[in-house]
Amino acid sequence: MNILITGANGQLGNEMRVLSAAHPQHTYFFTDVQELDICDADAVRAFIADRRVDVVVNCAAYTAVDKAEDNPELCDRLNHLAPGYLAEAAEAVGAALIQVSTDYVFDGTAHVPYREDDTPCPNSVYGRTKLAGEEVVMQKCSRAMIVRTAWLYSTFGNNFVKTMLRLGRERESLGVVFDQIGTPTYAADLAQAIFAAIEQGIVPGIYHFSDEGVCSWYDFTIAIHRLAGITTCRVSPLHTDEYPAKAPRPHYSVLDKTRIKQTYGIDIPHWEASLAECLEKLKIES
């Protein structure tokens, strides 16, 4: 198959690149904005048609949640309009599209894990634009798969794990929010799930994917420091209102992953096992 992966320089895009070596039977096109501007409908159409793309994996997104509140048009262009262009171009050549989405399509007021058929109710510009992207993709591409994920981190780029490692080594104390609950997701695990879908044949629809288990950002930080051997920084729990942010965060964003596990027969690791794996890779790379 010919597989196009957009946003290839981001966390998930890079993990897809690494994992592609284990699937050498396919031809890959890894693009970021320099190679393909997904906000340019004509360029997208030409690229997908000329290269006879069979599967598009859209890893590109505007993910600066707070900045999005001040840049709604740019955020909408990347998270809503661009996926629509990819969906139209994919449909024109009979290709499948995997659109990566987010837990932010929910407002986080639930107390049990969110299922795919729960009614979305985003309360931020980021969440609203990502939901609009889901809707346009489902509307314009008959072979569309939406994968919502949460709390993504990896060895690539900037993310919460790397920030907490740096702050843990620099500071004697640190305050981290304890009343926002979710599940960290190692981007390498998400990449494996996406490849499972590609290899087995994409079943259109909405799916949830994160690693297994549940924690707060505070618990996550404690685990990062413990596994990294950081003992000199005292971590204290903070309430959300003690850490003001422009965009509201979901207080509870645990995702129910039953559908993706049953559809593709995948086993998902516990978040702490994947965190240990990521930290080991970071140690080797440093």
C-alpha atoms as a PDB file:
ATOM      1  CA  MET A   1       0.000   0.000   0.000  1.00  0.00           C
ATOM      2  CA  ASN A   2       0.969   3.628  -0.465  1.00  0.00           C
ATOM      3  CA  ILE A   3       0.629   5.357   2.910  1.00  0.00           C
ATOM      4  CA  LEU A   4       0.678   9.125   3.466  1.00  0.00           C
ATOM      5  CA  ILE A   5       1.521  10.298   6.975  1.00  0.00           C
ATOM      6  CA  THR A   6       0.989  14.020   7.551  1.00  0.00           C
ATOM      7  CA  GLY A   7       2.425  15.892  10.523  1.00  0.00           C
ATOM      8  CA  ALA A   8       5.424  13.565  10.259  1.00  0.00           C
ATOM      9  CA  ASN A   9       7.682  15.754  12.420  1.00  0.00           C
ATOM     10  CA  GLY A  10       5.354  15.605  15.441  1.00  0.00           C
ATOM     11  CA  GLN A  11       5.323  13.056  18.251  1.00  0.00           C
ATOM     12  CA  LEU A  12       2.993  10.543  16.595  1.00  0.00           C
ATOM     13  CA  GLY A  13       4.335  11.165  13.098  1.00  0.00           C
ATOM     14  CA  ASN A  14       7.856  10.389  14.266  1.00  0.00           C
ATOM     15  CA  GLU A  15       6.697   7.205  16.013  1.00  0.00           C
ATOM     16  CA  MET A  16       4.924   6.153  12.801  1.00  0.00           C
ATOM     17  CA  ARG A  17       8.206   6.730  10.955  1.00  0.00           C
ATOM     18  CA  VAL A  18      10.108   4.529  13.436  1.00  0.00           C
ATOM     19  CA  LEU A  19       7.506   1.761  13.253  1.00  0.00           C
ATOM     20  CA  SER A  20       7.324   1.842   9.444  1.00  0.00           C
ATOM     21  CA  ALA A  21      10.651  -0.036   9.413  1.00  0.00           C
ATOM     22  CA  ALA A  22       8.788  -3.051  10.835  1.00  0.00           C
ATOM     23  CA  HIS A  23       6.296  -2.836   7.937  1.00  0.00           C
ATOM     24  CA  PRO A  24       8.621  -2.550   4.906  1.00  0.00           C
ATOM     25  CA  GLN A  25       6.068  -3.981   2.466  1.00  0.00           C
ATOM     26  CA  HIS A  26       4.427  -0.540   2.155  1.00  0.00           C
ATOM     27  CA  THR A  27       5.563   2.671   0.462  1.00  0.00           C
ATOM     28  CA  TYR A  28       5.486   5.692   2.764  1.00  0.00           C
ATOM     29  CA  PHE A  29       5.201   9.419   2.188  1.00  0.00           C
ATOM     30  CA  PHE A  30       6.116  11.295   5.365  1.00  0.00           C
ATOM     31  CA  THR A  31       5.170  14.946   5.044  1.00  0.00           C
ATOM     32  CA  ASP A  32       5.114  18.037   7.169  1.00  0.00           C
ATOM     33  CA  VAL A  33       4.178  21.539   6.066  1.00  0.00           C
ATOM     34  CA  GLN A  34       7.393  21.906   4.006  1.00  0.00           C
ATOM     35  CA  GLU A  35       6.496  18.919   1.814  1.00  0.00           C
ATOM     36  CA  LEU A  36       2.701  19.269   1.821  1.00  0.00           C
ATOM     37  CA  ASP A  37       0.575  22.117   3.158  1.00  0.00           C
ATOM     38  CA  ILE A  38      -2.611  20.299   4.165  1.00  0.00           C
ATOM     39  CA  CYS A  39      -4.409  23.662   4.342  1.00  0.00           C
ATOM     40  CA  ASP A  40      -4.055  23.893   0.539  1.00  0.00           C
ATOM     41  CA  ALA A  41      -6.932  21.852  -0.910  1.00  0.00           C
ATOM     42  CA  ASP A  42      -5.487  21.736  -4.458  1.00  0.00           C
ATOM     43  CA  ALA A  43      -2.053  20.624  -3.244  1.00  0.00           C
ATOM     44  CA  VAL A  44      -3.638  17.891  -1.104  1.00  0.00           C
ATOM     45  CA  ARG A  45      -5.776  16.627  -3.989  1.00  0.00           C
ATOM     46  CA  ALA A  46      -2.827  16.524  -6.395  1.00  0.00           C
ATOM     47  CA  PHE A  47      -0.466  14.852  -3.915  1.00  0.00           C
ATOM     48  CA  ILE A  48      -2.894  12.056  -3.026  1.00  0.00           C
ATOM     49  CA  ALA A  49      -3.942  11.426  -6.650  1.00  0.00           C
ATOM     50  CA  ASP A  50      -0.425  11.573  -8.160  1.00  0.00           C
ATOM     51  CA  ARG A  51       1.034   9.151  -5.611  1.00  0.00           C
ATOM     52  CA  ARG A  52      -1.973   6.809  -5.675  1.00  0.00           C
ATOM     53  CA  VAL A  53      -2.293   6.930  -1.915  1.00  0.00           C
ATOM     54  CA  ASP A  54      -4.231   4.042  -0.324  1.00  0.00           C
ATOM     55  CA  VAL A  55      -4.216   5.209   3.314  1.00  0.00           C
ATOM     56  CA  VAL A  56      -3.847   8.689   4.825  1.00  0.00           C
ATOM     57  CA  VAL A  57      -2.862   8.977   8.489  1.00  0.00           C
ATOM     58  CA  ASN A  58      -3.397  12.573   9.588  1.00  0.00           C
ATOM     59  CA  CYS A  59      -1.102  13.257  12.547  1.00  0.00           C
ATOM     60  CA  ALA A  60      -1.049  17.017  11.889  1.00  0.00           C
ATOM     61  CA  ALA A  61      -2.931  19.322  14.261  1.00  0.00           C
ATOM     62  CA  TYR A  62      -2.858  22.637  16.067  1.00  0.00           C
ATOM     63  CA  THR A  63      -2.327  21.413  19.640  1.00  0.00           C
ATOM     64  CA  ALA A  64      -1.349  24.547  21.594  1.00  0.00           C
ATOM     65  CA  VAL A  65      -4.529  24.452  23.692  1.00  0.00           C
ATOM     66  CA  ASP A  66      -4.163  27.855  25.387  1.00  0.00           C
ATOM     67  CA  LYS A  67      -2.832  29.686  22.307  1.00  0.00           C
ATOM     68  CA  ALA A  68      -5.817  28.320  20.378  1.00  0.00           C
ATOM     69  CA  GLU A  69      -8.107  30.599  22.418  1.00  0.00           C
ATOM     70  CA  ASP A  70      -6.342  33.597  20.828  1.00  0.00           C
ATOM     71  CA  ASN A  71      -5.907  32.009  17.374  1.00  0.00           C
ATOM     72  CA  PRO A  72      -9.269  30.393  16.596  1.00  0.00           C
ATOM     73  CA  GLU A  73      -8.993  30.876  12.808  1.00  0.00           C
ATOM     74  CA  LEU A  74      -5.578  29.234  12.499  1.00  0.00           C
ATOM     75  CA  CYS A  75      -6.674  26.451  14.851  1.00  0.00           C
ATOM     76  CA  ASP A  76      -9.827  25.872  12.775  1.00  0.00           C
ATOM     77  CA  ARG A  77      -7.849  25.815   9.533  1.00  0.00           C
ATOM     78  CA  LEU A  78      -5.546  23.044  10.761  1.00  0.00           C
ATOM     79  CA  ASN A  79      -7.958  21.013  12.891  1.00  0.00           C
ATOM     80  CA  HIS A  80     -11.162  21.312  10.862  1.00  0.00           C
ATOM     81  CA  LEU A  81     -10.713  22.572   7.291  1.00  0.00           C
ATOM     82  CA  ALA A  82      -7.490  20.669   6.486  1.00  0.00           C
ATOM     83  CA  PRO A  83      -8.880  17.254   7.550  1.00  0.00           C
ATOM     84  CA  GLY A  84     -11.837  18.019   5.277  1.00  0.00           C
ATOM     85  CA  TYR A  85      -9.477  18.532   2.326  1.00  0.00           C
ATOM     86  CA  LEU A  86      -7.696  15.256   3.145  1.00  0.00           C
ATOM     87  CA  ALA A  87     -11.060  13.459   3.394  1.00  0.00           C
ATOM     88  CA  GLU A  88     -12.263  14.787   0.017  1.00  0.00           C
ATOM     89  CA  ALA A  89      -8.989  13.852  -1.674  1.00  0.00           C
ATOM     90  CA  ALA A  90      -8.979  10.379  -0.082  1.00  0.00           C
ATOM     91  CA  GLU A  91     -12.584   9.748  -1.141  1.00  0.00           C
ATOM     92  CA  ALA A  92     -11.796  10.803  -4.718  1.00  0.00           C
ATOM     93  CA  VAL A  93      -9.244   7.975  -5.080  1.00  0.00           C
ATOM     94  CA  GLY A  94     -10.999   5.435  -2.813  1.00  0.00           C
ATOM     95  CA  ALA A  95      -8.410   5.757  -0.041  1.00  0.00           C
ATOM     96  CA  ALA A  96      -8.971   5.316   3.696  1.00  0.00           C
ATOM     97  CA  LEU A  97      -8.284   8.124   6.180  1.00  0.00           C
ATOM     98  CA  ILE A  98      -7.251   7.774   9.810  1.00  0.00           C
ATOM     99  CA  GLN A  99      -7.892  11.070  11.605  1.00  0.00           C
ATOM    100  CA  VAL A 100      -6.293  11.445  15.043  1.00  0.00           C
ATOM    101  CA  SER A 101      -8.536  13.304  17.494  1.00  0.00           C
ATOM    102  CA  THR A 102      -8.657  14.095  21.193  1.00  0.00           C
ATOM    103  CA  ASP A 103     -10.339  13.665  24.569  1.00  0.00           C
ATOM    104  CA  TYR A 104     -10.994  17.439  24.441  1.00  0.00           C
ATOM    105  CA  VAL A 105     -14.135  16.770  22.387  1.00  0.00           C
ATOM    106  CA  PHE A 106     -15.656  16.068  25.840  1.00  0.00           C
ATOM    107  CA  ASP A 107     -15.963  18.614  28.658  1.00  0.00           C
ATOM    108  CA  GLY A 108     -14.653  16.191  31.294  1.00  0.00           C
ATOM    109  CA  THR A 109     -17.656  16.282  33.643  1.00  0.00           C
ATOM    110  CA  ALA A 110     -18.270  12.502  33.490  1.00  0.00           C
ATOM    111  CA  HIS A 111     -17.253  10.025  36.199  1.00  0.00           C
ATOM    112  CA  VAL A 112     -17.036   6.879  34.077  1.00  0.00           C
ATOM    113  CA  PRO A 113     -14.829   6.346  31.003  1.00  0.00           C
ATOM    114  CA  TYR A 114     -16.081   8.039  27.855  1.00  0.00           C
ATOM    115  CA  ARG A 115     -17.388   5.737  25.120  1.00  0.00           C
ATOM    116  CA  GLU A 116     -17.326   6.563  21.423  1.00  0.00           C
ATOM    117  CA  ASP A 117     -21.095   7.110  21.248  1.00  0.00           C
ATOM    118  CA  ASP A 118     -21.210   9.539  24.192  1.00  0.00           C
ATOM    119  CA  THR A 119     -22.329  12.992  23.062  1.00  0.00           C
ATOM    120  CA  PRO A 120     -19.340  15.318  22.528  1.00  0.00           C
ATOM    121  CA  CYS A 121     -19.447  18.638  24.374  1.00  0.00           C
ATOM    122  CA  PRO A 122     -16.139  20.526  23.910  1.00  0.00           C
ATOM    123  CA  ASN A 123     -15.554  23.660  25.976  1.00  0.00           C
ATOM    124  CA  SER A 124     -12.405  25.044  24.323  1.00  0.00           C
ATOM    125  CA  VAL A 125     -11.456  26.315  20.863  1.00  0.00           C
ATOM    126  CA  TYR A 126      -9.107  23.341  20.495  1.00  0.00           C
ATOM    127  CA  GLY A 127     -11.838  20.837  21.404  1.00  0.00           C
ATOM    128  CA  ARG A 128     -14.443  22.478  19.168  1.00  0.00           C
ATOM    129  CA  THR A 129     -12.132  22.569  16.131  1.00  0.00           C
ATOM    130  CA  LYS A 130     -11.072  18.943  16.623  1.00  0.00           C
ATOM    131  CA  LEU A 131     -14.726  17.876  16.848  1.00  0.00           C
ATOM    132  CA  ALA A 132     -15.499  19.844  13.662  1.00  0.00           C
ATOM    133  CA  GLY A 133     -12.598  17.981  12.036  1.00  0.00           C
ATOM    134  CA  GLU A 134     -14.062  14.628  13.068  1.00  0.00           C
ATOM    135  CA  GLU A 135     -17.452  15.563  11.656  1.00  0.00           C
ATOM    136  CA  VAL A 136     -16.184  16.767   8.271  1.00  0.00           C
ATOM    137  CA  VAL A 137     -13.972  13.686   7.875  1.00  0.00           C
ATOM    138  CA  MET A 138     -16.862  11.292   8.599  1.00  0.00           C
ATOM    139  CA  GLN A 139     -19.081  13.237   6.232  1.00  0.00           C
ATOM    140  CA  LYS A 140     -16.651  13.382   3.289  1.00  0.00           C
ATOM    141  CA  CYS A 141     -14.775  10.068   3.462  1.00  0.00           C
ATOM    142  CA  SER A 142     -16.644   6.748   3.480  1.00  0.00           C
ATOM    143  CA  ARG A 143     -13.521   4.884   4.716  1.00  0.00           C
ATOM    144  CA  ALA A 144     -12.748   7.208   7.642  1.00  0.00           C
ATOM    145  CA  MET A 145     -11.485   6.054  11.039  1.00  0.00           C
ATOM    146  CA  ILE A 146     -11.373   8.567  13.898  1.00  0.00           C
ATOM    147  CA  VAL A 147      -8.975   7.723  16.745  1.00  0.00           C
ATOM    148  CA  ARG A 148      -9.388   9.868  19.862  1.00  0.00           C
ATOM    149  CA  THR A 149      -6.444   9.833  22.227  1.00  0.00           C
ATOM    150  CA  ALA A 150      -5.248  11.719  25.317  1.00  0.00           C
ATOM    151  CA  TRP A 151      -2.168  12.888  27.249  1.00  0.00           C
ATOM    152  CA  LEU A 152       0.248  12.012  24.440  1.00  0.00           C
ATOM    153  CA  TYR A 153       4.004  11.876  25.097  1.00  0.00           C
ATOM    154  CA  SER A 154       7.062  10.317  23.433  1.00  0.00           C
ATOM    155  CA  THR A 155      10.823  10.622  23.073  1.00  0.00           C
ATOM    156  CA  PHE A 156      10.187  13.210  20.321  1.00  0.00           C
ATOM    157  CA  GLY A 157       9.386  16.918  20.628  1.00  0.00           C
ATOM    158  CA  ASN A 158       8.178  18.747  23.716  1.00  0.00           C
ATOM    159  CA  ASN A 159       5.773  17.036  26.079  1.00  0.00           C
ATOM    160  CA  PHE A 160       4.780  16.677  29.723  1.00  0.00           C
ATOM    161  CA  VAL A 161       7.241  13.858  30.467  1.00  0.00           C
ATOM    162  CA  LYS A 162      10.245  15.817  29.217  1.00  0.00           C
ATOM    163  CA  THR A 163       9.099  18.956  31.027  1.00  0.00           C
ATOM    164  CA  MET A 164       8.715  17.122  34.349  1.00  0.00           C
ATOM    165  CA  LEU A 165      12.136  15.490  33.928  1.00  0.00           C
ATOM    166  CA  ARG A 166      13.727  18.891  33.334  1.00  0.00           C
ATOM    167  CA  LEU A 167      11.899  20.631  36.184  1.00  0.00           C
ATOM    168  CA  GLY A 168      12.562  17.716  38.527  1.00  0.00           C
ATOM    169  CA  ARG A 169      16.286  18.113  37.956  1.00  0.00           C
ATOM    170  CA  GLU A 170      16.255  21.918  38.105  1.00  0.00           C
ATOM    171  CA  ARG A 171      13.972  22.606  41.078  1.00  0.00           C
ATOM    172  CA  GLU A 172      13.697  21.643  44.711  1.00  0.00           C
ATOM    173  CA  SER A 173       9.897  21.728  44.637  1.00  0.00           C
ATOM    174  CA  LEU A 174       7.113  21.569  42.099  1.00  0.00           C
ATOM    175  CA  GLY A 175       3.302  21.899  42.156  1.00  0.00           C
ATOM    176  CA  VAL A 176       1.253  19.705  39.813  1.00  0.00           C
ATOM    177  CA  VAL A 177      -2.526  19.486  39.319  1.00  0.00           C
ATOM    178  CA  PHE A 178      -4.121  16.493  41.080  1.00  0.00           C
ATOM    179  CA  ASP A 179      -7.806  17.016  40.225  1.00  0.00           C
ATOM    180  CA  GLN A 180      -7.577  16.319  36.489  1.00  0.00           C
ATOM    181  CA  ILE A 181      -7.828  12.587  35.813  1.00  0.00           C
ATOM    182  CA  GLY A 182      -6.936  10.751  32.619  1.00  0.00           C
ATOM    183  CA  THR A 183      -4.502   8.291  31.095  1.00  0.00           C
ATOM    184  CA  PRO A 184      -1.038   9.032  29.699  1.00  0.00           C
ATOM    185  CA  THR A 185      -0.539   7.638  26.197  1.00  0.00           C
ATOM    186  CA  TYR A 186       2.857   6.692  24.799  1.00  0.00           C
ATOM    187  CA  ALA A 187       2.776   7.748  21.128  1.00  0.00           C
ATOM    188  CA  ALA A 188       4.612   4.529  20.154  1.00  0.00           C
ATOM    189  CA  ASP A 189       1.655   2.512  21.506  1.00  0.00           C
ATOM    190  CA  LEU A 190      -0.811   4.613  19.499  1.00  0.00           C
ATOM    191  CA  ALA A 191       1.337   4.150  16.376  1.00  0.00           C
ATOM    192  CA  GLN A 192       1.182   0.367  16.876  1.00  0.00           C
ATOM    193  CA  ALA A 193      -2.607   0.490  17.155  1.00  0.00           C
ATOM    194  CA  ILE A 194      -2.807   2.507  13.925  1.00  0.00           C
ATOM    195  CA  PHE A 195      -0.605  -0.021  12.129  1.00  0.00           C
ATOM    196  CA  ALA A 196      -2.823  -2.836  13.446  1.00  0.00           C
ATOM    197  CA  ALA A 197      -5.812  -1.122  11.829  1.00  0.00           C
ATOM    198  CA  ILE A 198      -3.953  -0.613   8.538  1.00  0.00           C
ATOM    199  CA  GLU A 199      -2.729  -4.226   8.391  1.00  0.00           C
ATOM    200  CA  GLN A 200      -6.077  -5.783   9.320  1.00  0.00           C
ATOM    201  CA  GLY A 201      -8.175  -3.472   7.183  1.00  0.00           C
ATOM    202  CA  ILE A 202      -9.689  -0.243   8.433  1.00  0.00           C
ATOM    203  CA  VAL A 203     -13.189  -0.586   9.847  1.00  0.00           C
ATOM    204  CA  PRO A 204     -14.714   2.909   9.550  1.00  0.00           C
ATOM    205  CA  GLY A 205     -15.991   4.626  12.694  1.00  0.00           C
ATOM    206  CA  ILE A 206     -14.874   6.339  15.884  1.00  0.00           C
ATOM    207  CA  TYR A 207     -12.433   4.658  18.289  1.00  0.00           C
ATOM    208  CA  HIS A 208     -10.799   5.573  21.585  1.00  0.00           C
ATOM    209  CA  PHE A 209      -7.166   4.791  22.351  1.00  0.00           C
ATOM    210  CA  SER A 210      -4.992   5.545  25.343  1.00  0.00           C
ATOM    211  CA  ASP A 211      -2.817   3.319  27.465  1.00  0.00           C
ATOM    212  CA  GLU A 212      -4.509   1.307  30.227  1.00  0.00           C
ATOM    213  CA  GLY A 213      -5.022   2.579  33.765  1.00  0.00           C
ATOM    214  CA  VAL A 214      -5.923   5.946  35.276  1.00  0.00           C
ATOM    215  CA  CYS A 215      -4.009   8.701  37.090  1.00  0.00           C
ATOM    216  CA  SER A 216      -3.850  12.438  37.749  1.00  0.00           C
ATOM    217  CA  TRP A 217      -1.124  14.740  36.410  1.00  0.00           C
ATOM    218  CA  TYR A 218       0.281  14.703  39.958  1.00  0.00           C
ATOM    219  CA  ASP A 219       0.414  10.875  40.022  1.00  0.00           C
ATOM    220  CA  PHE A 220       1.979  10.915  36.554  1.00  0.00           C
ATOM    221  CA  THR A 221       4.717  13.285  37.734  1.00  0.00           C
ATOM    222  CA  ILE A 222       5.441  11.188  40.828  1.00  0.00           C
ATOM    223  CA  ALA A 223       5.855   8.122  38.572  1.00  0.00           C
ATOM    224  CA  ILE A 224       8.105  10.017  36.119  1.00  0.00           C
ATOM    225  CA  HIS A 225      10.425  11.116  38.926  1.00  0.00           C
ATOM    226  CA  ARG A 226      10.431   7.718  40.631  1.00  0.00           C
ATOM    227  CA  LEU A 227      11.246   5.815  37.430  1.00  0.00           C
ATOM    228  CA  ALA A 228      13.885   8.383  36.425  1.00  0.00           C
ATOM    229  CA  GLY A 229      15.519   8.257  39.874  1.00  0.00           C
ATOM    230  CA  ILE A 230      14.834  11.930  40.634  1.00  0.00           C
ATOM    231  CA  THR A 231      14.781  12.280  44.439  1.00  0.00           C
ATOM    232  CA  THR A 232      15.729  15.913  45.034  1.00  0.00           C
ATOM    233  CA  CYS A 233      12.438  17.559  43.974  1.00  0.00           C
ATOM    234  CA  ARG A 234       9.379  17.626  46.231  1.00  0.00           C
ATOM    235  CA  VAL A 235       6.160  17.398  44.217  1.00  0.00           C
ATOM    236  CA  SER A 236       3.000  18.906  45.756  1.00  0.00           C
ATOM    237  CA  PRO A 237      -0.605  18.476  44.554  1.00  0.00           C
ATOM    238  CA  LEU A 238      -2.384  21.593  43.227  1.00  0.00           C
ATOM    239  CA  HIS A 239      -6.047  22.286  42.508  1.00  0.00           C
ATOM    240  CA  THR A 240      -6.834  23.309  38.935  1.00  0.00           C
ATOM    241  CA  ASP A 241      -7.811  26.810  40.079  1.00  0.00           C
ATOM    242  CA  GLU A 242      -4.339  27.261  41.592  1.00  0.00           C
ATOM    243  CA  TYR A 243      -2.838  26.808  38.131  1.00  0.00           C
ATOM    244  CA  PRO A 244      -4.708  29.272  35.889  1.00  0.00           C
ATOM    245  CA  ALA A 245      -4.876  28.494  32.175  1.00  0.00           C
ATOM    246  CA  LYS A 246      -6.625  30.284  29.336  1.00  0.00           C
ATOM    247  CA  ALA A 247      -8.463  27.192  28.050  1.00  0.00           C
ATOM    248  CA  PRO A 248     -10.490  24.980  30.402  1.00  0.00           C
ATOM    249  CA  ARG A 249      -9.167  21.444  30.867  1.00  0.00           C
ATOM    250  CA  PRO A 250     -11.348  18.330  31.184  1.00  0.00           C
ATOM    251  CA  HIS A 251     -11.383  17.216  34.844  1.00  0.00           C
ATOM    252  CA  TYR A 252     -12.036  13.629  33.828  1.00  0.00           C
ATOM    253  CA  SER A 253     -10.971  12.359  30.407  1.00  0.00           C
ATOM    254  CA  VAL A 254     -10.565   8.599  30.780  1.00  0.00           C
ATOM    255  CA  LEU A 255     -11.448   6.854  27.513  1.00  0.00           C
ATOM    256  CA  ASP A 256     -13.176   3.478  27.184  1.00  0.00           C
ATOM    257  CA  LYS A 257     -11.091   1.428  24.734  1.00  0.00           C
ATOM    258  CA  THR A 258     -13.310  -1.656  24.392  1.00  0.00           C
ATOM    259  CA  ARG A 259     -14.199  -1.000  20.737  1.00  0.00           C
ATOM    260  CA  ILE A 260     -10.643  -0.733  19.387  1.00  0.00           C
ATOM    261  CA  LYS A 261      -9.511  -3.753  21.429  1.00  0.00           C
ATOM    262  CA  GLN A 262     -12.367  -5.925  20.170  1.00  0.00           C
ATOM    263  CA  THR A 263     -12.244  -4.726  16.553  1.00  0.00           C
ATOM    264  CA  TYR A 264      -8.509  -5.182  16.055  1.00  0.00           C
ATOM    265  CA  GLY A 265      -7.678  -7.706  18.790  1.00  0.00           C
ATOM    266  CA  ILE A 266      -4.961  -5.520  20.290  1.00  0.00           C
ATOM    267  CA  ASP A 267      -3.468  -5.629  23.780  1.00  0.00           C
ATOM    268  CA  ILE A 268      -2.820  -2.223  25.318  1.00  0.00           C
ATOM    269  CA  PRO A 269      -0.049  -1.830  27.919  1.00  0.00           C
ATOM    270  CA  HIS A 270      -0.503  -0.106  31.281  1.00  0.00           C
ATOM    271  CA  TRP A 271       0.609   3.515  31.188  1.00  0.00           C
ATOM    272  CA  GLU A 272       3.355   2.982  33.767  1.00  0.00           C
ATOM    273  CA  ALA A 273       4.965   0.134  31.787  1.00  0.00           C
ATOM    274  CA  SER A 274       5.023   2.324  28.675  1.00  0.00           C
ATOM    275  CA  LEU A 275       6.369   5.277  30.635  1.00  0.00           C
ATOM    276  CA  ALA A 276       9.255   3.096  31.871  1.00  0.00           C
ATOM    277  CA  GLU A 277       9.968   2.079  28.263  1.00  0.00           C
ATOM    278  CA  CYS A 278       9.984   5.702  27.080  1.00  0.00           C
ATOM    279  CA  LEU A 279      12.269   6.821  29.928  1.00  0.00           C
ATOM    280  CA  GLU A 280      14.684   3.990  29.108  1.00  0.00           C
ATOM    281  CA  LYS A 281      14.846   5.193  25.478  1.00  0.00           C
ATOM    282  CA  LEU A 282      15.411   8.790  26.593  1.00  0.00           C
ATOM    283  CA  LYS A 283      18.233   7.615  28.859  1.00  0.00           C
ATOM    284  CA  ILE A 284      19.912   5.768  25.976  1.00  0.00           C
ATOM    285  CA  GLU A 285      19.512   8.755  23.632  1.00  0.00           C
ATOM    286  CA  SER A 286      20.959  11.224  26.145  1.00  0.00           C
END
